[in-house]
Amino acid sequence: MEIKEILVIQIKQVGDCILTEPVFRALKEKYPGCRTSFVVSSAFAGIFENNPYIDEVISYNFKKPFAELLKIRKKKYDVVMDFLGNPRSRGLTLFARSPLKLGFTKKGSAFFYTKTVPASSGPEYVSDTKFRMLAALGISASPRPIKIYLTDEEKKMFADYSREKGGAGLVAISATSRRPARRWTKEHFADLADILVRRCGLTPVFVWGPGEEDYVKSVMDMMKEKALLAPPTKLRELAALLYNCRLLVGNDNGVRHLAAAVGTPTLVITGPTFKECWTPKGKEHRAIQADVPCIACSKRECESMICMKDLKAEEVEKEAADMLAKYSGGK
C-alpha cells in the first residue's frame, strides 16, 4: 500500500498534543514523500508551527467544528490515526475518507476504525504508547524526544529579560493545574520559591495561563523574597520564556511538556497521576512525590490531599539543587 497522505488526530489536551509530535518524525522517516496533517485544538495549533515534519496543521475549533469537518471530508487520506479516541475525535475519524483508520482498542472502537491497537496494560510513558499505533504501519522505530521548533528570534525573545532580571538564572514555577488534586499547596510553592532565592541565588518566575493570574499572585503574596510574575504569553511565547530558564518546577500539567520540548530540565510534583506515564525520558526530567499509600490514585479531586500536603518544600529544593548542578548548563 502506497502511503502519501496521513491524517493524525489529537485535538486535546496541550500535553497530549505535544507528546504526539514525535510520531511525525517517525512517519516521515518511514514515508519520506508523504504529506502529514495534524488536527489539533485551535488553542494549541501555534505550538506546531515551524515543525519540519508536520506539513499541515488543521486548527479544530470546538465551538465551530463543521468547517474543519468539511475540510477533512474534501480530501482523501491513505491513513487516519486517532490518538485521542473520544467522541469528537472518533467522529472526525468516521467523517474522514480513508481505507485505513487506526485507533486504540476501547469499547465501541470497532465501529470507527478499520483496525485497532491495544494500549499498554500498565503505566507507560504516553509518547511510547502512541508509538504502539505506528507498529500497525510496520514502523518499529523507538520513540523520540518531544520537540517544539522555536525560531532563532523566538529563542532570543526573553534573553534580555533573563539577563536583566535573572540573577544566577531564572527558575520557572508552574503552580497551577486544571485539576485541583494535582495542585501542590500554595504555601509549599511559596516556601520553595523563597528557598531557591536564598540558597541558589535564582529568580523565580511564576508562569500562568488564562484565568490563572490571580491564583499565581496569591502564591507570590505568601513569599518573603522577591519573585517575578511572567508577562501574559501565548503558548509559543511561553515556550520561549521556558527556553531561557534553567529549570521548571511545577505541578503535573501541560507546562512541563512545553519546557521539556524546548530542552529545559523539569522537576514535577506528582500525586494522583502515574509519574511513569507523564515524565519525559532522560535524567534531566524528574518527578517527585510523597511516600503515601494512596499515591497515583487517579482522582481529580480529593478532600485530604495528603500526597500534596506531605511533600515539603525542603525535599523539592534538594532535588532541584541537584538538577541545577548537573543539567541546566549555562542558561
Protein backbone atom coordinates (compact mmCIF):
# COMPACT_ATOMS: atom_id res chain seq x y z
CA MET A 1 0.00 0.00 0.00
CA GLU A 2 1.41 3.36 -1.06
CA ILE A 3 1.06 5.99 1.66
CA LYS A 4 1.15 9.62 0.61
CA GLU A 5 -1.44 11.40 2.77
CA ILE A 6 -1.61 10.86 6.55
CA LEU A 7 -4.08 12.49 8.93
CA VAL A 8 -3.22 12.48 12.65
CA ILE A 9 -5.88 13.44 15.21
CA GLN A 10 -5.13 14.59 18.77
CA ILE A 11 -7.35 17.59 19.44
CA LYS A 12 -6.59 17.93 23.17
CA GLN A 13 -5.03 18.45 25.78
CA VAL A 14 -1.88 20.51 25.31
CA GLY A 15 0.40 17.91 26.89
CA ASP A 16 -1.11 15.05 24.89
CA CYS A 17 -0.73 17.07 21.70
CA ILE A 18 2.95 17.75 22.39
CA LEU A 19 3.50 14.09 23.22
CA THR A 20 2.13 13.21 19.77
CA GLU A 21 4.80 15.29 18.00
CA PRO A 22 7.47 12.55 17.77
CA VAL A 23 5.05 10.43 15.73
CA PHE A 24 5.50 12.77 12.77
CA ARG A 25 9.26 12.30 12.67
CA ALA A 26 8.80 8.53 12.59
CA LEU A 27 6.20 8.81 9.82
CA LYS A 28 8.46 10.98 7.67
CA GLU A 29 11.37 8.59 8.13
CA LYS A 30 9.24 5.64 7.03
CA TYR A 31 7.47 7.51 4.22
CA PRO A 32 9.81 10.38 3.16
CA GLY A 33 7.48 11.63 0.45
CA CYS A 34 4.28 11.60 2.50
CA ARG A 35 2.26 14.66 3.48
CA THR A 36 1.25 14.84 7.14
CA SER A 37 -1.73 16.75 8.53
CA PHE A 38 -2.37 17.28 12.25
CA VAL A 39 -5.84 18.02 13.65
CA VAL A 40 -5.36 19.86 16.92
CA SER A 41 -7.30 22.36 19.01
CA SER A 42 -7.01 25.91 17.70
CA ALA A 43 -5.77 26.86 21.19
CA PHE A 44 -2.66 24.72 20.70
CA ALA A 45 -2.11 24.90 16.95
CA GLY A 46 0.60 27.56 17.17
CA ILE A 47 2.89 25.21 19.07
CA PHE A 48 3.41 23.15 15.94
CA GLU A 49 4.40 26.00 13.64
CA ASN A 50 7.85 25.67 12.08
CA ASN A 51 7.86 21.89 12.59
CA PRO A 52 9.62 20.34 9.57
CA TYR A 53 7.75 17.05 9.97
CA ILE A 54 4.21 18.47 10.01
CA ASP A 55 3.05 19.71 6.61
CA GLU A 56 -0.37 21.00 7.66
CA VAL A 57 -1.91 21.96 10.99
CA ILE A 58 -5.71 21.83 10.94
CA SER A 59 -6.99 24.04 13.76
CA TYR A 60 -10.03 22.48 15.41
CA ASN A 61 -12.50 25.00 16.83
CA PHE A 62 -14.65 23.32 19.48
CA LYS A 63 -17.39 25.94 19.08
CA LYS A 64 -17.45 25.78 15.28
CA PRO A 65 -16.25 22.31 14.28
CA PHE A 66 -18.04 21.97 10.95
CA ALA A 67 -15.53 23.96 8.90
CA GLU A 68 -12.79 21.50 9.84
CA LEU A 69 -15.11 18.55 9.21
CA LEU A 70 -15.78 19.75 5.69
CA LYS A 71 -12.10 20.42 5.06
CA ILE A 72 -11.20 16.91 6.15
CA ARG A 73 -14.06 15.39 4.16
CA LYS A 74 -12.95 17.03 0.91
CA LYS A 75 -9.62 15.26 0.98
CA LYS A 76 -8.79 11.58 0.71
CA TYR A 77 -6.20 10.21 3.11
CA ASP A 78 -4.29 6.96 2.89
CA VAL A 79 -4.18 6.64 6.68
CA VAL A 80 -6.07 8.28 9.56
CA MET A 81 -4.63 7.88 13.06
CA ASP A 82 -6.79 8.87 16.04
CA PHE A 83 -4.68 9.07 19.19
CA LEU A 84 -7.42 10.55 21.38
CA GLY A 85 -10.38 8.21 20.96
CA ASN A 86 -13.10 10.42 22.42
CA PRO A 87 -16.49 11.11 20.75
CA ARG A 88 -15.22 14.16 18.85
CA SER A 89 -12.08 12.54 17.51
CA ARG A 90 -13.97 9.37 16.64
CA GLY A 91 -16.46 11.50 14.73
CA LEU A 92 -13.63 13.14 12.79
CA THR A 93 -12.19 9.73 12.00
CA LEU A 94 -15.55 8.41 10.84
CA PHE A 95 -16.08 11.51 8.68
CA ALA A 96 -12.66 11.28 7.02
CA ARG A 97 -12.27 9.40 3.75
CA SER A 98 -9.60 6.73 4.15
CA PRO A 99 -9.24 2.97 3.62
CA LEU A 100 -7.19 2.64 6.83
CA LYS A 101 -8.36 4.18 10.10
CA LEU A 102 -6.36 3.40 13.23
CA GLY A 103 -7.31 3.86 16.87
CA PHE A 104 -6.69 2.32 20.26
CA THR A 105 -8.81 -0.62 21.37
CA LYS A 106 -11.69 0.63 23.51
CA LYS A 107 -15.34 -0.24 23.94
CA GLY A 108 -17.15 0.50 20.68
CA SER A 109 -13.95 1.36 18.79
CA ALA A 110 -14.52 -1.21 16.04
CA PHE A 111 -17.32 0.95 14.62
CA PHE A 112 -15.00 3.91 13.99
CA TYR A 113 -11.73 2.26 12.96
CA THR A 114 -10.73 -0.34 10.40
CA LYS A 115 -8.00 -1.53 12.75
CA THR A 116 -7.49 -1.10 16.49
CA VAL A 117 -4.31 -1.30 18.52
CA PRO A 118 -4.16 -2.40 22.18
CA ALA A 119 -2.78 0.22 24.54
CA SER A 120 -0.38 -0.65 27.34
CA SER A 121 -1.77 -2.83 30.12
CA GLY A 122 0.22 -0.91 32.74
CA PRO A 123 1.78 2.51 33.36
CA GLU A 124 3.81 3.57 30.33
CA TYR A 125 5.15 6.89 29.06
CA VAL A 126 2.33 8.31 26.95
CA SER A 127 4.53 9.07 23.96
CA ASP A 128 5.66 5.42 23.95
CA THR A 129 2.03 4.31 23.95
CA LYS A 130 1.39 6.41 20.85
CA PHE A 131 4.21 4.63 19.07
CA ARG A 132 2.34 1.36 19.51
CA MET A 133 -0.06 2.55 16.83
CA LEU A 134 2.82 3.03 14.40
CA ALA A 135 3.51 -0.69 14.56
CA ALA A 136 0.28 -1.20 12.60
CA LEU A 137 2.04 0.57 9.72
CA GLY A 138 5.14 -1.58 10.04
CA ILE A 139 7.08 1.13 11.85
CA SER A 140 9.27 -0.25 14.63
CA ALA A 141 11.10 2.98 15.43
CA SER A 142 11.90 3.85 19.03
CA PRO A 143 10.11 6.90 20.46
CA ARG A 144 11.95 10.21 20.07
CA PRO A 145 12.13 13.15 22.48
CA ILE A 146 9.35 15.71 22.16
CA LYS A 147 10.35 18.94 20.44
CA ILE A 148 8.97 22.40 19.72
CA TYR A 149 10.83 24.16 16.93
CA LEU A 150 11.41 27.72 18.09
CA THR A 151 12.93 30.15 15.63
CA ASP A 152 16.18 31.96 16.48
CA GLU A 153 14.17 35.12 17.05
CA GLU A 154 11.84 33.34 19.47
CA LYS A 155 14.79 31.91 21.40
CA LYS A 156 16.13 35.44 21.87
CA MET A 157 12.72 36.85 22.85
CA PHE A 158 13.36 36.53 26.60
CA ALA A 159 17.17 36.53 26.56
CA ASP A 160 17.42 40.13 27.78
CA TYR A 161 14.65 39.51 30.30
CA SER A 162 16.65 36.60 31.70
CA ARG A 163 19.92 38.54 31.85
CA GLU A 164 18.44 41.65 33.43
CA LYS A 165 16.13 40.02 35.97
CA GLY A 166 17.50 36.53 36.44
CA GLY A 167 20.41 36.91 38.86
CA ALA A 168 22.03 33.46 38.79
CA GLY A 169 19.30 32.45 36.38
CA LEU A 170 15.56 32.07 36.08
CA VAL A 171 13.69 29.12 37.52
CA ALA A 172 10.17 28.81 36.14
CA ILE A 173 7.47 27.85 38.62
CA SER A 174 4.15 26.45 37.41
CA ALA A 175 1.89 26.41 40.46
CA THR A 176 -1.42 25.77 38.70
CA SER A 177 -3.36 22.85 37.28
CA ARG A 178 -6.83 22.42 35.83
CA ARG A 179 -7.42 19.59 38.28
CA PRO A 180 -7.41 20.52 41.99
CA ALA A 181 -5.97 17.18 43.11
CA ARG A 182 -2.79 17.85 41.13
CA ARG A 183 -2.00 21.14 42.87
CA TRP A 184 0.83 21.23 45.37
CA THR A 185 -0.18 23.66 48.11
CA LYS A 186 0.27 27.40 47.69
CA GLU A 187 2.25 27.53 50.93
CA HIS A 188 4.70 24.89 49.72
CA PHE A 189 5.28 26.70 46.43
CA ALA A 190 5.89 29.98 48.26
CA ASP A 191 8.35 28.28 50.64
CA LEU A 192 10.15 26.60 47.74
CA ALA A 193 10.49 29.86 45.82
CA ASP A 194 11.94 31.58 48.90
CA ILE A 195 14.47 28.79 49.41
CA LEU A 196 15.56 28.89 45.75
CA VAL A 197 16.26 32.61 46.11
CA ARG A 198 18.18 32.31 49.37
CA ARG A 199 20.22 29.18 48.70
CA CYS A 200 20.67 29.19 44.94
CA GLY A 201 20.52 32.89 44.09
CA LEU A 202 17.89 32.14 41.46
CA THR A 203 14.99 34.33 40.44
CA PRO A 204 11.65 32.51 40.44
CA VAL A 205 9.36 33.46 37.58
CA PHE A 206 5.79 32.29 38.03
CA VAL A 207 4.19 31.28 34.74
CA TRP A 208 0.45 31.26 34.18
CA GLY A 209 -2.26 30.95 31.57
CA PRO A 210 -5.76 32.33 31.02
CA GLY A 211 -7.70 32.59 34.29
CA GLU A 212 -4.69 31.68 36.45
CA GLU A 213 -3.13 35.07 37.19
CA ASP A 214 -4.94 35.71 40.49
CA TYR A 215 -4.12 32.23 41.77
CA VAL A 216 -0.43 32.71 40.99
CA LYS A 217 -0.39 36.16 42.58
CA SER A 218 -1.85 34.69 45.76
CA VAL A 219 1.12 32.30 45.92
CA MET A 220 3.58 35.14 45.39
CA ASP A 221 1.90 37.16 48.15
CA MET A 222 2.90 34.41 50.61
CA MET A 223 6.60 34.77 49.76
CA LYS A 224 9.16 36.67 51.82
CA GLU A 225 11.59 37.09 48.91
CA LYS A 226 11.00 38.75 45.57
CA ALA A 227 9.84 36.84 42.52
CA LEU A 228 8.70 37.67 39.01
CA LEU A 229 5.24 37.29 37.54
CA ALA A 230 5.62 36.22 33.93
CA PRO A 231 4.06 38.56 31.40
CA PRO A 232 0.93 37.41 29.55
CA THR A 233 2.05 34.99 26.85
CA LYS A 234 0.72 32.84 24.08
CA LEU A 235 1.92 29.24 24.15
CA ARG A 236 4.87 29.75 21.80
CA GLU A 237 5.92 32.81 23.79
CA LEU A 238 5.68 30.79 26.99
CA ALA A 239 7.85 28.13 25.36
CA ALA A 240 10.38 30.85 24.51
CA LEU A 241 10.39 32.03 28.13
CA LEU A 242 10.88 28.46 29.37
CA TYR A 243 13.76 28.05 26.91
CA ASN A 244 15.56 30.83 28.79
CA CYS A 245 15.03 29.24 32.22
CA ARG A 246 17.50 26.94 33.96
CA LEU A 247 14.76 24.71 35.36
CA LEU A 248 11.00 24.32 35.57
CA VAL A 249 9.47 23.23 38.87
CA GLY A 250 5.73 22.69 38.90
CA ASN A 251 2.63 20.58 39.04
CA ASP A 252 1.76 17.83 36.62
CA ASN A 253 0.33 19.96 33.81
CA GLY A 254 0.90 20.91 30.19
CA VAL A 255 3.65 23.40 31.01
CA ARG A 256 6.02 20.57 31.91
CA HIS A 257 5.80 19.24 28.36
CA LEU A 258 6.34 22.71 26.87
CA ALA A 259 9.52 23.04 28.94
CA ALA A 260 10.80 19.58 28.04
CA ALA A 261 10.09 20.22 24.35
CA VAL A 262 12.45 23.24 24.33
CA GLY A 263 15.20 21.45 26.24
CA THR A 264 14.65 22.86 29.73
CA PRO A 265 15.05 20.42 32.65
CA THR A 266 11.85 19.72 34.56
CA LEU A 267 11.07 18.75 38.15
CA VAL A 268 7.41 17.93 38.66
CA ILE A 269 5.41 17.27 41.81
CA THR A 270 3.10 14.33 41.19
CA GLY A 271 0.31 12.97 43.36
CA PRO A 272 -2.76 11.35 41.79
CA THR A 273 -1.07 10.66 38.44
CA PHE A 274 1.32 7.88 37.48
CA LYS A 275 4.73 9.51 37.15
CA GLU A 276 5.78 6.79 34.71
CA CYS A 277 3.12 7.93 32.24
CA TRP A 278 3.93 11.62 32.10
CA THR A 279 7.62 12.13 32.95
CA PRO A 280 9.75 12.72 29.83
CA LYS A 281 12.63 10.34 29.40
CA GLY A 282 16.11 11.48 30.32
CA LYS A 283 17.94 12.21 33.57
CA GLU A 284 17.19 15.92 33.18
CA HIS A 285 13.50 15.26 33.80
CA ARG A 286 12.34 14.07 37.20
CA ALA A 287 9.16 13.58 39.16
CA ILE A 288 8.98 13.77 42.94
CA GLN A 289 6.15 12.54 45.12
CA ALA A 290 5.24 11.93 48.74
CA ASP A 291 5.62 8.48 50.25
CA VAL A 292 1.95 7.79 50.91
CA PRO A 293 -0.08 4.62 50.21
CA CYS A 294 -2.69 6.33 48.05
CA ILE A 295 -0.21 7.78 45.55
CA ALA A 296 -1.28 7.59 41.88
CA CYS A 297 -4.96 7.27 42.84
CA SER A 298 -6.09 8.99 39.59
CA LYS A 299 -8.57 11.21 41.46
CA ARG A 300 -9.44 14.61 40.02
CA GLU A 301 -10.49 15.99 43.40
CA CYS A 302 -9.53 14.89 46.90
CA GLU A 303 -10.59 16.02 50.36
CA SER A 304 -7.42 15.06 52.22
CA MET A 305 -4.81 15.99 49.56
CA ILE A 306 -2.32 14.12 51.72
CA CYS A 307 0.07 13.49 48.83
CA MET A 308 0.37 17.23 48.21
CA LYS A 309 0.47 18.30 51.85
CA ASP A 310 3.06 15.74 52.98
CA LEU A 311 5.71 16.64 50.38
CA LYS A 312 7.64 19.57 51.86
CA ALA A 313 9.48 22.39 50.12
CA GLU A 314 12.84 21.30 51.57
CA GLU A 315 12.56 17.92 49.81
CA VAL A 316 11.77 19.51 46.46
CA GLU A 317 14.54 22.10 46.81
CA LYS A 318 17.09 19.36 47.47
CA GLU A 319 16.11 17.66 44.23
CA ALA A 320 16.07 20.97 42.36
CA ALA A 321 19.55 21.91 43.60
CA ASP A 322 20.92 18.57 42.42
CA MET A 323 19.38 19.07 38.99
CA LEU A 324 20.66 22.64 38.70
CA ALA A 325 24.18 21.44 39.41
CA LYS A 326 24.01 18.69 36.80
CA TYR A 327 21.75 19.63 33.91
CA SER A 328 20.95 23.31 33.46
CA GLY A 329 24.23 24.26 31.80
CA GLY A 330 24.81 27.92 31.14
CA LYS A 331 21.22 29.02 30.95
